[in-house]
Amino acid sequence: DAQSVHIKIGERAVSPVEVSADVLRHLRVRAEQALGGPVEGVVITVPAYFDDAQRQATRDAGRLAGLEVLRLLAEPTAAALAYGLDRGSRGTYAVYDLGGGTFDVSILKLVDGVFEVKATGGDSALGGDDIDLAIATAVCGSSINAAAVAAARDAKEALPDAETANFTVAADGSPTGAAITRAISRADVAGWIAPLLDKTARAARRVLKDAE
């Protein structure tokens, strides 16, 4: 039960639902600033593997944040809608979602404009953060810190637009105590992260099998 667990934040003891409500309030403020007006009804996306209790807790958090929750939408379905896949009448789609901290893959079947999640899976402890860590470790060895991981992320994000990128950490933030500057290539990164991507491929094959 999401209401029976409490986390102490400062002098407050709050439930997961209250934490989620705080996040939704913040998002509401940002949305209202961007749209220039009030936000009343909302559609909230949730992981495809959320069970009924988790979905209800999300609805409760929305109401606690003062929002009318019109619908909860599975994240892979939201992705399919964002890409306009619902404009067809039928089809089967795989949605591969490698986020910052988690990996999800879902198989969706579209029939007469309605999506059905046929199978879902993934790895809740695998994501882009692990890719950053793999790059930092390849460059710095076992001596890595937050600055090295941040340098890895910056280099990774530069590589889609260039064949090489600089991995740079100033001496005062370096885990080794000396400044680090190294040019890394797309091929370098591809080799370093291949084991992680192989894990996502294995998970994807399992989901394809589950969905037949």
Protein backbone atom coordinates (compact mmCIF):
# COMPACT_ATOMS: atom_id res chain seq x y z
CA ASP A 1 0.00 0.00 0.00
CA ALA A 2 1.58 3.28 -1.16
CA GLN A 3 -0.02 5.14 1.76
CA SER A 4 1.35 2.84 4.48
CA VAL A 5 5.02 3.50 3.64
CA HIS A 6 6.47 6.82 4.78
CA ILE A 7 9.78 8.53 4.06
CA LYS A 8 11.22 11.13 6.39
CA ILE A 9 12.19 14.35 4.57
CA GLY A 10 13.49 16.85 7.09
CA GLU A 11 10.87 16.91 9.81
CA ARG A 12 8.12 15.58 7.51
CA ALA A 13 7.06 11.96 7.14
CA VAL A 14 5.57 11.66 3.67
CA SER A 15 4.09 8.81 1.66
CA PRO A 16 5.13 7.93 -1.91
CA VAL A 17 1.79 9.36 -3.07
CA GLU A 18 2.60 12.70 -1.42
CA VAL A 19 6.05 12.73 -3.05
CA SER A 20 4.43 12.05 -6.43
CA ALA A 21 1.91 14.83 -5.78
CA ASP A 22 4.76 17.27 -5.08
CA VAL A 23 6.35 16.32 -8.43
CA LEU A 24 3.03 16.78 -10.24
CA ARG A 25 2.50 20.20 -8.63
CA HIS A 26 5.89 21.29 -9.90
CA LEU A 27 5.09 19.99 -13.38
CA ARG A 28 1.75 21.80 -13.29
CA VAL A 29 3.49 25.11 -12.54
CA ARG A 30 5.94 24.55 -15.42
CA ALA A 31 3.13 23.63 -17.80
CA GLU A 32 1.08 26.69 -16.84
CA GLN A 33 4.09 28.93 -17.37
CA ALA A 34 4.71 27.40 -20.79
CA LEU A 35 1.05 27.50 -21.86
CA GLY A 36 0.24 30.90 -20.33
CA GLY A 37 -2.89 29.64 -18.59
CA PRO A 38 -4.31 27.23 -16.05
CA VAL A 39 -4.03 23.46 -16.37
CA GLU A 40 -7.08 21.57 -15.16
CA GLY A 41 -7.45 18.16 -16.80
CA VAL A 42 -4.36 16.03 -17.36
CA VAL A 43 -3.30 12.75 -18.95
CA ILE A 44 -0.48 11.11 -16.98
CA THR A 45 1.83 8.50 -18.50
CA VAL A 46 2.88 5.50 -16.41
CA PRO A 47 5.14 2.50 -17.08
CA ALA A 48 3.38 -0.31 -18.93
CA TYR A 49 4.15 -2.72 -16.08
CA PHE A 50 2.31 -0.65 -13.43
CA ASP A 51 -0.32 -2.77 -11.70
CA ASP A 52 -3.76 -1.59 -10.57
CA ALA A 53 -2.47 -0.43 -7.16
CA GLN A 54 0.33 1.62 -8.71
CA ARG A 55 -2.06 3.16 -11.22
CA GLN A 56 -4.52 4.04 -8.45
CA ALA A 57 -1.71 5.60 -6.40
CA THR A 58 -0.84 7.75 -9.42
CA ARG A 59 -4.47 8.89 -9.71
CA ASP A 60 -4.47 9.70 -5.99
CA ALA A 61 -1.29 11.75 -6.40
CA GLY A 62 -2.87 13.70 -9.24
CA ARG A 63 -5.96 14.50 -7.19
CA LEU A 64 -3.78 15.48 -4.22
CA ALA A 65 -1.96 17.89 -6.53
CA GLY A 66 -5.30 19.48 -7.45
CA LEU A 67 -5.47 17.98 -10.93
CA GLU A 68 -8.32 16.21 -12.69
CA VAL A 69 -6.75 13.01 -13.99
CA LEU A 70 -8.61 12.35 -17.22
CA ARG A 71 -6.67 9.23 -18.10
CA LEU A 72 -3.58 7.19 -17.30
CA LEU A 73 -1.71 6.23 -20.46
CA ALA A 74 0.95 3.52 -20.70
CA GLU A 75 4.28 5.08 -21.72
CA PRO A 76 4.76 2.90 -24.83
CA THR A 77 1.26 3.82 -25.99
CA ALA A 78 2.11 7.49 -25.45
CA ALA A 79 5.26 7.03 -27.56
CA ALA A 80 3.25 5.38 -30.33
CA LEU A 81 0.76 8.25 -30.30
CA ALA A 82 3.57 10.82 -30.37
CA TYR A 83 4.94 9.21 -33.54
CA GLY A 84 1.49 9.22 -35.15
CA LEU A 85 1.24 5.43 -35.35
CA ASP A 86 -2.44 5.62 -34.42
CA ARG A 87 -3.21 7.14 -37.82
CA GLY A 88 -3.17 3.65 -39.27
CA SER A 89 -5.92 1.11 -38.69
CA ARG A 90 -3.86 -1.88 -37.60
CA GLY A 91 -0.28 -3.04 -37.06
CA THR A 92 2.15 -4.41 -34.49
CA TYR A 93 4.91 -2.21 -33.06
CA ALA A 94 7.86 -2.63 -30.72
CA VAL A 95 8.63 0.37 -28.50
CA TYR A 96 12.22 0.34 -27.20
CA ASP A 97 12.60 2.86 -24.37
CA LEU A 98 16.10 3.27 -22.92
CA GLY A 99 15.74 5.98 -20.29
CA GLY A 100 18.17 7.49 -17.84
CA GLY A 101 17.80 4.80 -15.21
CA THR A 102 15.54 2.13 -16.66
CA PHE A 103 14.97 0.15 -19.85
CA ASP A 104 11.55 -0.93 -21.08
CA VAL A 105 10.44 -2.67 -24.25
CA SER A 106 6.79 -3.20 -25.15
CA ILE A 107 4.92 -4.82 -28.02
CA LEU A 108 1.78 -2.94 -29.04
CA LYS A 109 -0.97 -4.18 -31.32
CA LEU A 110 -3.09 -1.57 -33.08
CA VAL A 111 -6.58 -2.67 -34.10
CA ASP A 112 -9.07 -0.14 -35.48
CA GLY A 113 -7.14 2.77 -33.98
CA VAL A 114 -6.90 1.27 -30.46
CA PHE A 115 -3.58 0.13 -28.94
CA GLU A 116 -3.30 -3.00 -26.83
CA VAL A 117 -0.10 -3.81 -24.91
CA LYS A 118 0.63 -7.45 -25.83
CA ALA A 119 3.80 -7.88 -23.78
CA THR A 120 6.23 -5.75 -21.81
CA GLY A 121 9.58 -6.28 -20.12
CA GLY A 122 13.00 -4.76 -19.66
CA ASP A 123 15.47 -4.02 -16.89
CA SER A 124 14.66 -1.59 -14.08
CA ALA A 125 18.38 -1.21 -13.27
CA LEU A 126 19.73 -0.40 -16.74
CA GLY A 127 19.75 2.95 -18.49
CA GLY A 128 21.67 5.87 -19.88
CA ASP A 129 23.33 6.43 -16.50
CA ASP A 130 25.05 3.06 -16.95
CA ILE A 131 26.27 4.11 -20.39
CA ASP A 132 27.80 7.27 -18.88
CA LEU A 133 29.45 5.15 -16.18
CA ALA A 134 30.87 2.73 -18.78
CA ILE A 135 32.41 5.60 -20.77
CA ALA A 136 33.89 7.22 -17.66
CA THR A 137 35.34 3.89 -16.51
CA ALA A 138 36.87 3.21 -19.94
CA VAL A 139 38.64 6.57 -19.89
CA CYS A 140 39.54 6.91 -16.20
CA GLY A 141 39.73 3.33 -15.00
CA SER A 142 38.33 2.51 -11.58
CA SER A 143 39.01 6.04 -10.30
CA ILE A 144 35.82 7.83 -11.32
CA ASN A 145 33.73 10.51 -9.67
CA ALA A 146 30.75 12.72 -10.51
CA ALA A 147 32.88 15.05 -12.65
CA ALA A 148 34.14 12.14 -14.75
CA VAL A 149 30.60 10.82 -15.26
CA ALA A 150 29.43 14.32 -16.25
CA ALA A 151 32.29 14.55 -18.77
CA ALA A 152 31.23 11.19 -20.19
CA ARG A 153 27.65 12.39 -20.58
CA ASP A 154 28.77 15.59 -22.33
CA ALA A 155 30.94 13.63 -24.77
CA LYS A 156 28.18 11.08 -25.43
CA GLU A 157 25.66 13.83 -26.19
CA ALA A 158 28.08 15.51 -28.62
CA LEU A 159 28.75 12.37 -30.66
CA PRO A 160 25.52 12.26 -32.69
CA ASP A 161 26.70 15.45 -34.44
CA ALA A 162 30.41 14.61 -34.72
CA GLU A 163 32.68 11.62 -35.28
CA THR A 164 34.72 12.48 -32.18
CA ALA A 165 34.15 14.41 -28.97
CA ASN A 166 36.38 15.59 -26.14
CA PHE A 167 36.23 13.97 -22.72
CA THR A 168 37.50 16.76 -20.47
CA VAL A 169 37.80 17.05 -16.69
CA ALA A 170 39.66 19.94 -15.02
CA ALA A 171 42.37 19.09 -12.50
CA ASP A 172 40.34 20.39 -9.54
CA GLY A 173 37.50 17.99 -10.38
CA SER A 174 39.55 15.08 -11.67
CA PRO A 175 39.41 11.76 -9.80
CA THR A 176 43.13 11.32 -10.49
CA GLY A 177 44.16 14.81 -9.38
CA ALA A 178 45.40 15.67 -12.88
CA ALA A 179 43.45 17.21 -15.75
CA ILE A 180 42.02 14.69 -18.18
CA THR A 181 41.57 15.46 -21.87
CA ARG A 182 40.93 12.73 -24.40
CA ALA A 183 39.24 12.58 -27.78
CA ILE A 184 36.81 9.68 -27.99
CA SER A 185 35.08 8.44 -31.12
CA ARG A 186 31.72 6.89 -31.88
CA ALA A 187 33.52 3.60 -32.45
CA ASP A 188 35.13 3.84 -29.00
CA VAL A 189 31.78 4.37 -27.30
CA ALA A 190 30.09 1.65 -29.36
CA GLY A 191 32.67 -0.85 -28.13
CA TRP A 192 32.48 0.25 -24.49
CA ILE A 193 28.68 0.09 -24.29
CA ALA A 194 28.13 -3.02 -26.44
CA PRO A 195 27.59 -5.30 -23.39
CA LEU A 196 24.85 -2.97 -22.12
CA LEU A 197 23.09 -2.85 -25.49
CA ASP A 198 23.36 -6.63 -25.72
CA LYS A 199 21.39 -6.82 -22.46
CA THR A 200 18.62 -4.69 -23.97
CA ALA A 201 18.57 -6.92 -27.06
CA ARG A 202 18.16 -10.05 -24.92
CA ALA A 203 15.28 -8.43 -23.05
CA ALA A 204 13.68 -7.38 -26.35
CA ARG A 205 13.88 -10.93 -27.69
CA ARG A 206 12.19 -12.26 -24.54
CA VAL A 207 9.32 -9.79 -24.97
CA LEU A 208 8.96 -10.66 -28.66
CA LYS A 209 8.70 -14.31 -27.64
CA ASP A 210 6.11 -13.51 -24.95
CA ALA A 211 4.04 -11.59 -27.51
CA GLU A 212 4.40 -14.43 -30.03
